[in-house]
Amino acid sequence: MDRKPSLNYLLDELKDSNRPVSISKLVNLSDLTPEEVKQFRKDWPAIGARKRTEVVKRLVQLAEDNFELNFDIVFSCCVADPEVDVRIRAAEGLGESEDPAFIETLIGLLENDDDPSVRATAASSLARFSEMAEINRLRPRHAERLGETLLAVATNKTEEIEVRRRALEALGPMSLPEVTWAIREAYESNSYPLKVGALYAMGQNCDPIWLPTLLEELHSSNAEIRYECVSACGEIGDEEAVPYLVPLTTDPDYQVRLAAVDALGKIGGEESRRALQECARCEDASLREAAAEALDSVAGDEDPLYLSFRT
């Protein structure tokens, strides 16, 4: 069935500033044909700025809720929108894509957009492609271009700190000597945001060399630092971290407690399971639920003690 009439009707409806956005009709923007893309590009500027922003925001939510919907081409059309919020949402939407064709789109935003919030979002959205590069799901030329760009931005001392931080975080999954150096330099810098970004990147890097640093920082008086270190330990997955994480399931900060439970679930092992079973009996309903979910992912669920607890 030809969707063109539906698309035309939707675009005409969006041009009417007095009509609310119909979420159910926005699905017609998924998987546009080349002709429909031309129509979209032609009509999009005629839609009011506030509604354009709302539409792209809704599309990001729809794509997150339904993996069968694909608005990548729409997002790529919107990265040149004059509205900053539209460009931010479009860059965010492309962060869910696995199509290497959009790497250059995001790099273009990262290198050239006038707004640092757009550049930071574009950097974050490139993280998915860094993960793909690390598991050889990108062609070498794409991986090289991606790594060089993110590294250049992360180490550019004239760039906004938030943009550098997000570029470093996106670079984290790549196991390259230059990445190790960039993470260490950011961690040892005088910039608090860069240090936090470096701790996050350590987790994404999944290299046990970071474990001593993370375990030391678990004693920080700063809750955000503890949170990032706990999460990073979970990503690295080394059981050496478990004795340090268990006490943090009763941390004064609620988010740290949840992160510790999640990390123990990712690492697994007998000590993790015992700690999670204890958490699953605590008074906090949210923490009990998180612990129960973490227990499901711990190796050795067939242990009689575990089964007796779950039943």
Foldseek 3Di string as FASTA:
>chain_A
DDCVVLLVVQLVQQLPPVHDRDLVSLLSLFPDDPVSLVVCLVRVVSGDPVSLLVSLQSVLVVCVVDVVGHNLSVLLSQCPPPDPSSNLSSLLSLLPDPDLVCLVSLLCQLVPPPDLSSNLSSLLSLLVVLLCVQVPNDPPVSNVVLLVSLLCLLPPPVHDPSNNLSSLLSNLLHPDPSNVVSLVCQCPDPDPSSVLSSLLSLLNNLDCVCLVVLLVQCPPPDPSSVLSSLLSLLSNLDCVCLVSLLVQCPPPDPSSVLSSLQSLLSNADDSSLVSLLVQLPDPDPVSVVSSVVSNVSHPPCVPPVNVVSVD
